[in-house]
Amino acid sequence: MITSPPPPPLPEFSVDDIPPLKPNNWLWQSIVVTLCCCAPFGIAGIVYAAKVDVLYFNGRYTEAKAAARSARTWTLVAFIIGITTAILWIIVLSTGNMPQFMEKIIENNASGYNF
């Protein structure tokens, strides 16, 4: 009868050896918001989103989580500002007040050198 050798012992892992799940970096959402809604805040979202993967793969998990949270915040702020601006423009255009609105802008910015 042929017997096989016993299996090798399994390596022991501690909880500290297992990294946490990688947080969502919000990169594609930040890019879309930058292109469609609000560029300044969207760019801030892209900057933080780019940091998430670098920090995570360097083992700096808490900093990666904080960068992901900041990326999410800036992306959502840009989205909300973009949507609010679009709604306000739709209201101004649909109420028929655009000519008066533009006249006020021209009157307030007019100087004595206009021809």
PDB file of N, CA and C in Angstrom:
ATOM      1  N   MET A   1       0.824  -1.152   0.000  1.00  0.00           N
ATOM      2  CA  MET A   1       0.000   0.000   0.000  1.00  0.00           C
ATOM      3  C   MET A   1       0.894   1.250   0.000  1.00  0.00           C
ATOM      4  N   ILE A   2       0.531   2.147  -0.918  1.00  0.00           N
ATOM      5  CA  ILE A   2       1.322   3.362  -1.062  1.00  0.00           C
ATOM      6  C   ILE A   2       0.602   4.478  -0.309  1.00  0.00           C
ATOM      7  N   THR A   3       1.353   5.121   0.511  1.00  0.00           N
ATOM      8  CA  THR A   3       0.768   6.232   1.257  1.00  0.00           C
ATOM      9  C   THR A   3       1.405   7.529   0.769  1.00  0.00           C
ATOM     10  N   SER A   4       0.607   8.538   0.719  1.00  0.00           N
ATOM     11  CA  SER A   4       1.130   9.838   0.294  1.00  0.00           C
ATOM     12  C   SER A   4       1.612  10.604   1.522  1.00  0.00           C
ATOM     13  N   PRO A   5       2.562  11.468   1.298  1.00  0.00           N
ATOM     14  CA  PRO A   5       3.055  12.240   2.453  1.00  0.00           C
ATOM     15  C   PRO A   5       1.975  13.216   2.925  1.00  0.00           C
ATOM     16  N   PRO A   6       2.038  13.595   4.156  1.00  0.00           N
ATOM     17  CA  PRO A   6       1.030  14.539   4.655  1.00  0.00           C
ATOM     18  C   PRO A   6       1.173  15.887   3.941  1.00  0.00           C
ATOM     19  N   PRO A   7       0.080  16.600   3.775  1.00  0.00           N
ATOM     20  CA  PRO A   7       0.154  17.900   3.100  1.00  0.00           C
ATOM     21  C   PRO A   7       0.978  18.884   3.929  1.00  0.00           C
ATOM     22  N   PRO A   8       1.626  19.819   3.255  1.00  0.00           N
ATOM     23  CA  PRO A   8       2.420  20.788   4.006  1.00  0.00           C
ATOM     24  C   PRO A   8       1.501  21.672   4.854  1.00  0.00           C
ATOM     25  N   PRO A   9       2.012  22.155   5.943  1.00  0.00           N
ATOM     26  CA  PRO A   9       1.159  22.995   6.791  1.00  0.00           C
ATOM     27  C   PRO A   9       0.836  24.311   6.081  1.00  0.00           C
ATOM     28  N   LEU A  10      -0.356  24.751   6.309  1.00  0.00           N
ATOM     29  CA  LEU A  10      -0.785  26.017   5.714  1.00  0.00           C
ATOM     30  C   LEU A  10      -0.103  27.181   6.431  1.00  0.00           C
ATOM     31  N   PRO A  11       0.289  28.194   5.663  1.00  0.00           N
ATOM     32  CA  PRO A  11       0.899  29.345   6.333  1.00  0.00           C
ATOM     33  C   PRO A  11      -0.143  30.070   7.184  1.00  0.00           C
ATOM     34  N   GLU A  12       0.322  30.576   8.280  1.00  0.00           N
ATOM     35  CA  GLU A  12      -0.592  31.270   9.182  1.00  0.00           C
ATOM     36  C   GLU A  12      -0.609  32.747   8.827  1.00  0.00           C
ATOM     37  N   PHE A  13      -1.819  33.276   8.714  1.00  0.00           N
ATOM     38  CA  PHE A  13      -2.004  34.689   8.416  1.00  0.00           C
ATOM     39  C   PHE A  13      -2.644  35.359   9.617  1.00  0.00           C
ATOM     40  N   SER A  14      -2.231  36.562   9.826  1.00  0.00           N
ATOM     41  CA  SER A  14      -2.899  37.352  10.849  1.00  0.00           C
ATOM     42  C   SER A  14      -3.813  38.364  10.148  1.00  0.00           C
ATOM     43  N   VAL A  15      -4.638  38.981  10.917  1.00  0.00           N
ATOM     44  CA  VAL A  15      -5.566  39.961  10.359  1.00  0.00           C
ATOM     45  C   VAL A  15      -4.789  41.140   9.767  1.00  0.00           C
ATOM     46  N   ASP A  16      -3.618  41.421  10.316  1.00  0.00           N
ATOM     47  CA  ASP A  16      -2.828  42.547   9.827  1.00  0.00           C
ATOM     48  C   ASP A  16      -2.231  42.283   8.452  1.00  0.00           C
ATOM     49  N   ASP A  17      -2.110  41.019   8.051  1.00  0.00           N
ATOM     50  CA  ASP A  17      -1.522  40.695   6.756  1.00  0.00           C
ATOM     51  C   ASP A  17      -2.501  40.908   5.605  1.00  0.00           C
ATOM     52  N   ILE A  18      -3.784  40.917   5.875  1.00  0.00           N
ATOM     53  CA  ILE A  18      -4.788  41.046   4.827  1.00  0.00           C
ATOM     54  C   ILE A  18      -5.134  42.527   4.667  1.00  0.00           C
ATOM     55  N   PRO A  19      -4.879  43.085   3.477  1.00  0.00           N
ATOM     56  CA  PRO A  19      -5.195  44.512   3.295  1.00  0.00           C
ATOM     57  C   PRO A  19      -6.692  44.728   3.174  1.00  0.00           C
ATOM     58  N   PRO A  20      -7.157  45.907   3.531  1.00  0.00           N
ATOM     59  CA  PRO A  20      -8.585  46.198   3.360  1.00  0.00           C
ATOM     60  C   PRO A  20      -8.911  46.322   1.874  1.00  0.00           C
ATOM     61  N   LEU A  21     -10.189  46.307   1.564  1.00  0.00           N
ATOM     62  CA  LEU A  21     -10.610  46.469   0.181  1.00  0.00           C
ATOM     63  C   LEU A  21     -10.208  47.845  -0.331  1.00  0.00           C
ATOM     64  N   LYS A  22      -9.840  47.905  -1.597  1.00  0.00           N
ATOM     65  CA  LYS A  22      -9.450  49.180  -2.196  1.00  0.00           C
ATOM     66  C   LYS A  22     -10.682  50.055  -2.342  1.00  0.00           C
ATOM     67  N   PRO A  23     -10.611  51.291  -1.862  1.00  0.00           N
ATOM     68  CA  PRO A  23     -11.782  52.171  -2.008  1.00  0.00           C
ATOM     69  C   PRO A  23     -11.972  52.595  -3.455  1.00  0.00           C
ATOM     70  N   ASN A  24     -13.207  52.924  -3.790  1.00  0.00           N
ATOM     71  CA  ASN A  24     -13.518  53.425  -5.132  1.00  0.00           C
ATOM     72  C   ASN A  24     -12.779  54.738  -5.323  1.00  0.00           C
ATOM     73  N   ASN A  25     -12.103  54.893  -6.459  1.00  0.00           N
ATOM     74  CA  ASN A  25     -11.309  56.111  -6.645  1.00  0.00           C
ATOM     75  C   ASN A  25     -12.086  57.259  -7.281  1.00  0.00           C
ATOM     76  N   TRP A  26     -13.261  57.045  -7.807  1.00  0.00           N
ATOM     77  CA  TRP A  26     -14.127  58.075  -8.382  1.00  0.00           C
ATOM     78  C   TRP A  26     -13.474  58.767  -9.580  1.00  0.00           C
ATOM     79  N   LEU A  27     -12.570  58.105 -10.274  1.00  0.00           N
ATOM     80  CA  LEU A  27     -11.848  58.760 -11.359  1.00  0.00           C
ATOM     81  C   LEU A  27     -12.751  59.026 -12.561  1.00  0.00           C
ATOM     82  N   TRP A  28     -13.465  58.011 -13.032  1.00  0.00           N
ATOM     83  CA  TRP A  28     -14.268  58.235 -14.240  1.00  0.00           C
ATOM     84  C   TRP A  28     -15.405  59.204 -13.955  1.00  0.00           C
ATOM     85  N   GLN A  29     -15.956  59.165 -12.747  1.00  0.00           N
ATOM     86  CA  GLN A  29     -17.020  60.101 -12.413  1.00  0.00           C
ATOM     87  C   GLN A  29     -16.478  61.538 -12.385  1.00  0.00           C
ATOM     88  N   SER A  30     -15.268  61.695 -11.858  1.00  0.00           N
ATOM     89  CA  SER A  30     -14.666  63.034 -11.802  1.00  0.00           C
ATOM     90  C   SER A  30     -14.391  63.576 -13.202  1.00  0.00           C
ATOM     91  N   ILE A  31     -13.955  62.706 -14.098  1.00  0.00           N
ATOM     92  CA  ILE A  31     -13.678  63.135 -15.464  1.00  0.00           C
ATOM     93  C   ILE A  31     -14.967  63.566 -16.164  1.00  0.00           C
ATOM     94  N   VAL A  32     -16.024  62.794 -16.002  1.00  0.00           N
ATOM     95  CA  VAL A  32     -17.303  63.133 -16.637  1.00  0.00           C
ATOM     96  C   VAL A  32     -17.846  64.451 -16.081  1.00  0.00           C
ATOM     97  N   VAL A  33     -17.768  64.621 -14.768  1.00  0.00           N
ATOM     98  CA  VAL A  33     -18.262  65.847 -14.150  1.00  0.00           C
ATOM     99  C   VAL A  33     -17.428  67.041 -14.601  1.00  0.00           C
ATOM    100  N   THR A  34     -16.123  66.849 -14.750  1.00  0.00           N
ATOM    101  CA  THR A  34     -15.265  67.939 -15.209  1.00  0.00           C
ATOM    102  C   THR A  34     -15.636  68.360 -16.620  1.00  0.00           C
ATOM    103  N   LEU A  35     -15.905  67.410 -17.478  1.00  0.00           N
ATOM    104  CA  LEU A  35     -16.235  67.727 -18.863  1.00  0.00           C
ATOM    105  C   LEU A  35     -17.645  68.297 -19.019  1.00  0.00           C
ATOM    106  N   CYS A  36     -18.586  67.852 -18.198  1.00  0.00           N
ATOM    107  CA  CYS A  36     -19.988  68.223 -18.404  1.00  0.00           C
ATOM    108  C   CYS A  36     -20.535  69.271 -17.454  1.00  0.00           C
ATOM    109  N   CYS A  37     -19.985  69.373 -16.268  1.00  0.00           N
ATOM    110  CA  CYS A  37     -20.648  70.226 -15.269  1.00  0.00           C
ATOM    111  C   CYS A  37     -19.803  71.404 -14.816  1.00  0.00           C
ATOM    112  N   CYS A  38     -18.809  71.145 -14.008  1.00  0.00           N
ATOM    113  CA  CYS A  38     -18.082  72.224 -13.344  1.00  0.00           C
ATOM    114  C   CYS A  38     -16.599  71.869 -13.317  1.00  0.00           C
ATOM    115  N   ALA A  39     -15.835  72.500 -14.182  1.00  0.00           N
ATOM    116  CA  ALA A  39     -14.428  72.151 -14.348  1.00  0.00           C
ATOM    117  C   ALA A  39     -13.561  72.376 -13.107  1.00  0.00           C
ATOM    118  N   PRO A  40     -13.634  73.501 -12.403  1.00  0.00           N
ATOM    119  CA  PRO A  40     -12.709  73.697 -11.272  1.00  0.00           C
ATOM    120  C   PRO A  40     -12.843  72.641 -10.181  1.00  0.00           C
ATOM    121  N   PHE A  41     -14.064  72.353  -9.771  1.00  0.00           N
ATOM    122  CA  PHE A  41     -14.251  71.352  -8.721  1.00  0.00           C
ATOM    123  C   PHE A  41     -14.036  69.940  -9.249  1.00  0.00           C
ATOM    124  N   GLY A  42     -14.347  69.714 -10.505  1.00  0.00           N
ATOM    125  CA  GLY A  42     -14.089  68.411 -11.110  1.00  0.00           C
ATOM    126  C   GLY A  42     -12.607  68.097 -11.186  1.00  0.00           C
ATOM    127  N   ILE A  43     -11.791  69.117 -11.461  1.00  0.00           N
ATOM    128  CA  ILE A  43     -10.337  68.907 -11.505  1.00  0.00           C
ATOM    129  C   ILE A  43      -9.818  68.539 -10.122  1.00  0.00           C
ATOM    130  N   ALA A  44     -10.346  69.174  -9.088  1.00  0.00           N
ATOM    131  CA  ALA A  44      -9.958  68.794  -7.725  1.00  0.00           C
ATOM    132  C   ALA A  44     -10.322  67.332  -7.459  1.00  0.00           C
ATOM    133  N   GLY A  45     -11.480  66.906  -7.945  1.00  0.00           N
ATOM    134  CA  GLY A  45     -11.878  65.505  -7.806  1.00  0.00           C
ATOM    135  C   GLY A  45     -10.935  64.569  -8.535  1.00  0.00           C
ATOM    136  N   ILE A  46     -10.476  64.961  -9.727  1.00  0.00           N
ATOM    137  CA  ILE A  46      -9.542  64.133 -10.488  1.00  0.00           C
ATOM    138  C   ILE A  46      -8.212  64.006  -9.751  1.00  0.00           C
ATOM    139  N   VAL A  47      -7.744  65.100  -9.175  1.00  0.00           N
ATOM    140  CA  VAL A  47      -6.467  65.071  -8.452  1.00  0.00           C
ATOM    141  C   VAL A  47      -6.533  64.101  -7.277  1.00  0.00           C
ATOM    142  N   TYR A  48      -7.590  64.190  -6.486  1.00  0.00           N
ATOM    143  CA  TYR A  48      -7.729  63.266  -5.361  1.00  0.00           C
ATOM    144  C   TYR A  48      -7.961  61.834  -5.829  1.00  0.00           C
ATOM    145  N   ALA A  49      -8.699  61.662  -6.906  1.00  0.00           N
ATOM    146  CA  ALA A  49      -8.962  60.322  -7.425  1.00  0.00           C
ATOM    147  C   ALA A  49      -7.674  59.650  -7.899  1.00  0.00           C
ATOM    148  N   ALA A  50      -6.776  60.430  -8.476  1.00  0.00           N
ATOM    149  CA  ALA A  50      -5.515  59.867  -8.947  1.00  0.00           C
ATOM    150  C   ALA A  50      -4.629  59.423  -7.780  1.00  0.00           C
ATOM    151  N   LYS A  51      -4.798  60.024  -6.631  1.00  0.00           N
ATOM    152  CA  LYS A  51      -3.993  59.666  -5.461  1.00  0.00           C
ATOM    153  C   LYS A  51      -4.420  58.348  -4.825  1.00  0.00           C
ATOM    154  N   VAL A  52      -5.676  57.957  -5.007  1.00  0.00           N
ATOM    155  CA  VAL A  52      -6.225  56.807  -4.290  1.00  0.00           C
ATOM    156  C   VAL A  52      -5.438  55.531  -4.594  1.00  0.00           C
ATOM    157  N   ASP A  53      -5.263  55.203  -5.873  1.00  0.00           N
ATOM    158  CA  ASP A  53      -4.581  53.961  -6.231  1.00  0.00           C
ATOM    159  C   ASP A  53      -3.119  53.978  -5.798  1.00  0.00           C
ATOM    160  N   VAL A  54      -2.461  55.110  -5.956  1.00  0.00           N
ATOM    161  CA  VAL A  54      -1.045  55.206  -5.574  1.00  0.00           C
ATOM    162  C   VAL A  54      -0.895  54.955  -4.081  1.00  0.00           C
ATOM    163  N   LEU A  55      -1.720  55.604  -3.284  1.00  0.00           N
ATOM    164  CA  LEU A  55      -1.636  55.427  -1.837  1.00  0.00           C
ATOM    165  C   LEU A  55      -1.990  53.999  -1.424  1.00  0.00           C
ATOM    166  N   TYR A  56      -3.008  53.432  -2.035  1.00  0.00           N
ATOM    167  CA  TYR A  56      -3.429  52.081  -1.666  1.00  0.00           C
ATOM    168  C   TYR A  56      -2.339  51.058  -1.966  1.00  0.00           C
ATOM    169  N   PHE A  57      -1.760  51.128  -3.157  1.00  0.00           N
ATOM    170  CA  PHE A  57      -0.764  50.126  -3.526  1.00  0.00           C
ATOM    171  C   PHE A  57       0.581  50.354  -2.847  1.00  0.00           C
ATOM    172  N   ASN A  58       0.754  51.493  -2.196  1.00  0.00           N
ATOM    173  CA  ASN A  58       1.938  51.713  -1.367  1.00  0.00           C
ATOM    174  C   ASN A  58       1.688  51.341   0.088  1.00  0.00           C
ATOM    175  N   GLY A  59       0.518  50.794   0.369  1.00  0.00           N
ATOM    176  CA  GLY A  59       0.209  50.316   1.715  1.00  0.00           C
ATOM    177  C   GLY A  59      -0.292  51.393   2.656  1.00  0.00           C
ATOM    178  N   ARG A  60      -0.589  52.552   2.169  1.00  0.00           N
ATOM    179  CA  ARG A  60      -1.093  53.649   2.999  1.00  0.00           C
ATOM    180  C   ARG A  60      -2.614  53.678   2.891  1.00  0.00           C
ATOM    181  N   TYR A  61      -3.248  52.714   3.564  1.00  0.00           N
ATOM    182  CA  TYR A  61      -4.670  52.453   3.383  1.00  0.00           C
ATOM    183  C   TYR A  61      -5.556  53.563   3.942  1.00  0.00           C
ATOM    184  N   THR A  62      -5.214  54.105   5.092  1.00  0.00           N
ATOM    185  CA  THR A  62      -6.062  55.157   5.658  1.00  0.00           C
ATOM    186  C   THR A  62      -5.982  56.428   4.823  1.00  0.00           C
ATOM    187  N   GLU A  63      -4.802  56.732   4.288  1.00  0.00           N
ATOM    188  CA  GLU A  63      -4.673  57.903   3.426  1.00  0.00           C
ATOM    189  C   GLU A  63      -5.408  57.693   2.102  1.00  0.00           C
ATOM    190  N   ALA A  64      -5.398  56.466   1.597  1.00  0.00           N
ATOM    191  CA  ALA A  64      -6.138  56.164   0.374  1.00  0.00           C
ATOM    192  C   ALA A  64      -7.636  56.333   0.597  1.00  0.00           C
ATOM    193  N   LYS A  65      -8.111  55.906   1.760  1.00  0.00           N
ATOM    194  CA  LYS A  65      -9.527  56.055   2.073  1.00  0.00           C
ATOM    195  C   LYS A  65      -9.905  57.535   2.202  1.00  0.00           C
ATOM    196  N   ALA A  66      -9.018  58.322   2.808  1.00  0.00           N
ATOM    197  CA  ALA A  66      -9.280  59.762   2.939  1.00  0.00           C
ATOM    198  C   ALA A  66      -9.270  60.443   1.567  1.00  0.00           C
ATOM    199  N   ALA A  67      -8.351  60.041   0.689  1.00  0.00           N
ATOM    200  CA  ALA A  67      -8.307  60.619  -0.658  1.00  0.00           C
ATOM    201  C   ALA A  67      -9.562  60.238  -1.442  1.00  0.00           C
ATOM    202  N   ALA A  68     -10.036  59.015  -1.271  1.00  0.00           N
ATOM    203  CA  ALA A  68     -11.261  58.585  -1.945  1.00  0.00           C
ATOM    204  C   ALA A  68     -12.456  59.393  -1.450  1.00  0.00           C
ATOM    205  N   ARG A  69     -12.484  59.661  -0.154  1.00  0.00           N
ATOM    206  CA  ARG A  69     -13.569  60.465   0.405  1.00  0.00           C
ATOM    207  C   ARG A  69     -13.520  61.889  -0.149  1.00  0.00           C
ATOM    208  N   SER A  70     -12.314  62.453  -0.256  1.00  0.00           N
ATOM    209  CA  SER A  70     -12.177  63.800  -0.817  1.00  0.00           C
ATOM    210  C   SER A  70     -12.559  63.826  -2.293  1.00  0.00           C
ATOM    211  N   ALA A  71     -12.163  62.796  -3.037  1.00  0.00           N
ATOM    212  CA  ALA A  71     -12.522  62.724  -4.459  1.00  0.00           C
ATOM    213  C   ALA A  71     -14.034  62.660  -4.618  1.00  0.00           C
ATOM    214  N   ARG A  72     -14.680  61.866  -3.776  1.00  0.00           N
ATOM    215  CA  ARG A  72     -16.138  61.767  -3.833  1.00  0.00           C
ATOM    216  C   ARG A  72     -16.787  63.106  -3.516  1.00  0.00           C
ATOM    217  N   THR A  73     -16.286  63.782  -2.491  1.00  0.00           N
ATOM    218  CA  THR A  73     -16.847  65.071  -2.090  1.00  0.00           C
ATOM    219  C   THR A  73     -16.735  66.095  -3.211  1.00  0.00           C
ATOM    220  N   TRP A  74     -15.538  66.237  -3.794  1.00  0.00           N
ATOM    221  CA  TRP A  74     -15.343  67.233  -4.851  1.00  0.00           C
ATOM    222  C   TRP A  74     -16.151  66.889  -6.094  1.00  0.00           C
ATOM    223  N   THR A  75     -16.267  65.609  -6.403  1.00  0.00           N
ATOM    224  CA  THR A  75     -17.050  65.198  -7.566  1.00  0.00           C
ATOM    225  C   THR A  75     -18.522  65.513  -7.364  1.00  0.00           C
ATOM    226  N   LEU A  76     -19.032  65.228  -6.186  1.00  0.00           N
ATOM    227  CA  LEU A  76     -20.448  65.508  -5.920  1.00  0.00           C
ATOM    228  C   LEU A  76     -20.722  67.009  -5.861  1.00  0.00           C
ATOM    229  N   VAL A  77     -19.790  67.779  -5.303  1.00  0.00           N
ATOM    230  CA  VAL A  77     -19.956  69.237  -5.277  1.00  0.00           C
ATOM    231  C   VAL A  77     -20.005  69.775  -6.704  1.00  0.00           C
ATOM    232  N   ALA A  78     -19.097  69.311  -7.552  1.00  0.00           N
ATOM    233  CA  ALA A  78     -19.087  69.762  -8.952  1.00  0.00           C
ATOM    234  C   ALA A  78     -20.380  69.376  -9.658  1.00  0.00           C
ATOM    235  N   PHE A  79     -20.862  68.183  -9.395  1.00  0.00           N
ATOM    236  CA  PHE A  79     -22.104  67.723 -10.022  1.00  0.00           C
ATOM    237  C   PHE A  79     -23.288  68.584  -9.575  1.00  0.00           C
ATOM    238  N   ILE A  80     -23.386  68.857  -8.288  1.00  0.00           N
ATOM    239  CA  ILE A  80     -24.502  69.648  -7.755  1.00  0.00           C
ATOM    240  C   ILE A  80     -24.454  71.074  -8.296  1.00  0.00           C
ATOM    241  N   ILE A  81     -23.264  71.665  -8.343  1.00  0.00           N
ATOM    242  CA  ILE A  81     -23.146  73.021  -8.884  1.00  0.00           C
ATOM    243  C   ILE A  81     -23.509  73.041 -10.369  1.00  0.00           C
ATOM    244  N   GLY A  82     -23.054  72.039 -11.109  1.00  0.00           N
ATOM    245  CA  GLY A  82     -23.384  71.975 -12.533  1.00  0.00           C
ATOM    246  C   GLY A  82     -24.864  71.821 -12.782  1.00  0.00           C
ATOM    247  N   ILE A  83     -25.511  70.946 -12.035  1.00  0.00           N
ATOM    248  CA  ILE A  83     -26.953  70.731 -12.195  1.00  0.00           C
ATOM    249  C   ILE A  83     -27.725  71.985 -11.789  1.00  0.00           C
ATOM    250  N   THR A  84     -27.314  72.621 -10.694  1.00  0.00           N
ATOM    251  CA  THR A  84     -27.989  73.843 -10.245  1.00  0.00           C
ATOM    252  C   THR A  84     -27.859  74.947 -11.285  1.00  0.00           C
ATOM    253  N   THR A  85     -26.679  75.101 -11.850  1.00  0.00           N
ATOM    254  CA  THR A  85     -26.471  76.119 -12.880  1.00  0.00           C
ATOM    255  C   THR A  85     -27.333  75.832 -14.109  1.00  0.00           C
ATOM    256  N   ALA A  86     -27.384  74.581 -14.516  1.00  0.00           N
ATOM    257  CA  ALA A  86     -28.208  74.224 -15.677  1.00  0.00           C
ATOM    258  C   ALA A  86     -29.684  74.505 -15.419  1.00  0.00           C
ATOM    259  N   ILE A  87     -30.157  74.187 -14.225  1.00  0.00           N
ATOM    260  CA  ILE A  87     -31.560  74.438 -13.892  1.00  0.00           C
ATOM    261  C   ILE A  87     -31.850  75.937 -13.890  1.00  0.00           C
ATOM    262  N   LEU A  88     -30.939  76.725 -13.330  1.00  0.00           N
ATOM    263  CA  LEU A  88     -31.149  78.172 -13.315  1.00  0.00           C
ATOM    264  C   LEU A  88     -31.182  78.753 -14.723  1.00  0.00           C
ATOM    265  N   TRP A  89     -30.301  78.281 -15.603  1.00  0.00           N
ATOM    266  CA  TRP A  89     -30.315  78.762 -16.981  1.00  0.00           C
ATOM    267  C   TRP A  89     -31.595  78.354 -17.696  1.00  0.00           C
ATOM    268  N   ILE A  90     -32.065  77.166 -17.449  1.00  0.00           N
ATOM    269  CA  ILE A  90     -33.320  76.728 -18.067  1.00  0.00           C
ATOM    270  C   ILE A  90     -34.477  77.610 -17.595  1.00  0.00           C
ATOM    271  N   ILE A  91     -34.485  77.940 -16.309  1.00  0.00           N
ATOM    272  CA  ILE A  91     -35.539  78.805 -15.780  1.00  0.00           C
ATOM    273  C   ILE A  91     -35.465  80.192 -16.414  1.00  0.00           C
ATOM    274  N   VAL A  92     -34.262  80.758 -16.502  1.00  0.00           N
ATOM    275  CA  VAL A  92     -34.109  82.091 -17.078  1.00  0.00           C
ATOM    276  C   VAL A  92     -34.524  82.098 -18.544  1.00  0.00           C
ATOM    277  N   LEU A  93     -34.135  81.077 -19.274  1.00  0.00           N
ATOM    278  CA  LEU A  93     -34.480  81.029 -20.691  1.00  0.00           C
ATOM    279  C   LEU A  93     -35.960  80.744 -20.930  1.00  0.00           C
ATOM    280  N   SER A  94     -36.559  79.923 -20.078  1.00  0.00           N
ATOM    281  CA  SER A  94     -37.956  79.543 -20.315  1.00  0.00           C
ATOM    282  C   SER A  94     -38.948  80.599 -19.850  1.00  0.00           C
ATOM    283  N   THR A  95     -38.573  81.496 -18.943  1.00  0.00           N
ATOM    284  CA  THR A  95     -39.511  82.508 -18.467  1.00  0.00           C
ATOM    285  C   THR A  95     -39.580  83.711 -19.393  1.00  0.00           C
ATOM    286  N   GLY A  96     -38.657  83.829 -20.343  1.00  0.00           N
ATOM    287  CA  GLY A  96     -38.676  84.948 -21.265  1.00  0.00           C
ATOM    288  C   GLY A  96     -38.010  86.186 -20.712  1.00  0.00           C
ATOM    289  N   ASN A  97     -37.308  86.060 -19.613  1.00  0.00           N
ATOM    290  CA  ASN A  97     -36.643  87.209 -19.002  1.00  0.00           C
ATOM    291  C   ASN A  97     -35.210  87.397 -19.477  1.00  0.00           C
ATOM    292  N   MET A  98     -34.795  86.635 -20.431  1.00  0.00           N
ATOM    293  CA  MET A  98     -33.409  86.716 -20.875  1.00  0.00           C
ATOM    294  C   MET A  98     -33.063  88.076 -21.480  1.00  0.00           C
ATOM    295  N   PRO A  99     -33.914  88.690 -22.318  1.00  0.00           N
ATOM    296  CA  PRO A  99     -33.542  90.009 -22.853  1.00  0.00           C
ATOM    297  C   PRO A  99     -33.346  91.056 -21.753  1.00  0.00           C
ATOM    298  N   GLN A 100     -34.252  91.092 -20.765  1.00  0.00           N
ATOM    299  CA  GLN A 100     -34.097  92.046 -19.676  1.00  0.00           C
ATOM    300  C   GLN A 100     -32.846  91.738 -18.848  1.00  0.00           C
ATOM    301  N   PHE A 101     -32.580  90.486 -18.657  1.00  0.00           N
ATOM    302  CA  PHE A 101     -31.395  90.067 -17.908  1.00  0.00           C
ATOM    303  C   PHE A 101     -30.129  90.529 -18.619  1.00  0.00           C
ATOM    304  N   MET A 102     -30.085  90.344 -19.919  1.00  0.00           N
ATOM    305  CA  MET A 102     -28.912  90.762 -20.687  1.00  0.00           C
ATOM    306  C   MET A 102     -28.786  92.288 -20.732  1.00  0.00           C
ATOM    307  N   GLU A 103     -29.912  93.005 -20.810  1.00  0.00           N
ATOM    308  CA  GLU A 103     -29.863  94.471 -20.795  1.00  0.00           C
ATOM    309  C   GLU A 103     -29.287  94.989 -19.486  1.00  0.00           C
ATOM    310  N   LYS A 104     -29.674  94.378 -18.374  1.00  0.00           N
ATOM    311  CA  LYS A 104     -29.135  94.793 -17.076  1.00  0.00           C
ATOM    312  C   LYS A 104     -27.628  94.553 -17.012  1.00  0.00           C
ATOM    313  N   ILE A 105     -27.179  93.438 -17.552  1.00  0.00           N
ATOM    314  CA  ILE A 105     -25.738  93.153 -17.561  1.00  0.00           C
ATOM    315  C   ILE A 105     -25.013  94.205 -18.388  1.00  0.00           C
ATOM    316  N   ILE A 106     -25.561  94.531 -19.548  1.00  0.00           N
ATOM    317  CA  ILE A 106     -24.920  95.519 -20.426  1.00  0.00           C
ATOM    318  C   ILE A 106     -24.930  96.895 -19.768  1.00  0.00           C
ATOM    319  N   GLU A 107     -26.047  97.283 -19.136  1.00  0.00           N
ATOM    320  CA  GLU A 107     -26.121  98.589 -18.486  1.00  0.00           C
ATOM    321  C   GLU A 107     -25.160  98.695 -17.316  1.00  0.00           C
ATOM    322  N   ASN A 108     -25.035  97.634 -16.531  1.00  0.00           N
ATOM    323  CA  ASN A 108     -24.163  97.664 -15.367  1.00  0.00           C
ATOM    324  C   ASN A 108     -22.687  97.666 -15.756  1.00  0.00           C
ATOM    325  N   ASN A 109     -22.361  97.117 -16.901  1.00  0.00           N
ATOM    326  CA  ASN A 109     -20.964  97.051 -17.331  1.00  0.00           C
ATOM    327  C   ASN A 109     -20.610  98.102 -18.370  1.00  0.00           C
ATOM    328  N   ALA A 110     -21.548  98.954 -18.735  1.00  0.00           N
ATOM    329  CA  ALA A 110     -21.299  99.939 -19.781  1.00  0.00           C
ATOM    330  C   ALA A 110     -20.380 101.030 -19.254  1.00  0.00           C
ATOM    331  N   SER A 111     -19.539 101.489 -20.132  1.00  0.00           N
ATOM    332  CA  SER A 111     -18.669 102.620 -19.806  1.00  0.00           C
ATOM    333  C   SER A 111     -18.973 103.757 -20.786  1.00  0.00           C
ATOM    334  N   GLY A 112     -18.347 104.912 -20.609  1.00  0.00           N
ATOM    335  CA  GLY A 112     -18.565 106.035 -21.477  1.00  0.00           C
ATOM    336  C   GLY A 112     -17.927 105.870 -22.831  1.00  0.00           C
ATOM    337  N   TYR A 113     -17.177 104.813 -23.057  1.00  0.00           N
ATOM    338  CA  TYR A 113     -16.466 104.617 -24.306  1.00  0.00           C
ATOM    339  C   TYR A 113     -17.155 103.651 -25.250  1.00  0.00           C
ATOM    340  N   ASN A 114     -18.385 103.287 -24.960  1.00  0.00           N
ATOM    341  CA  ASN A 114     -19.112 102.389 -25.855  1.00  0.00           C
ATOM    342  C   ASN A 114     -19.561 103.139 -27.109  1.00  0.00           C
ATOM    343  N   PHE A 115     -19.455 102.517 -28.227  1.00  0.00           N
ATOM    344  CA  PHE A 115     -19.844 103.145 -29.493  1.00  0.00           C
ATOM    345  C   PHE A 115     -21.127 102.578 -29.993  1.00  0.00           C
TER     346      PHE A 115
END
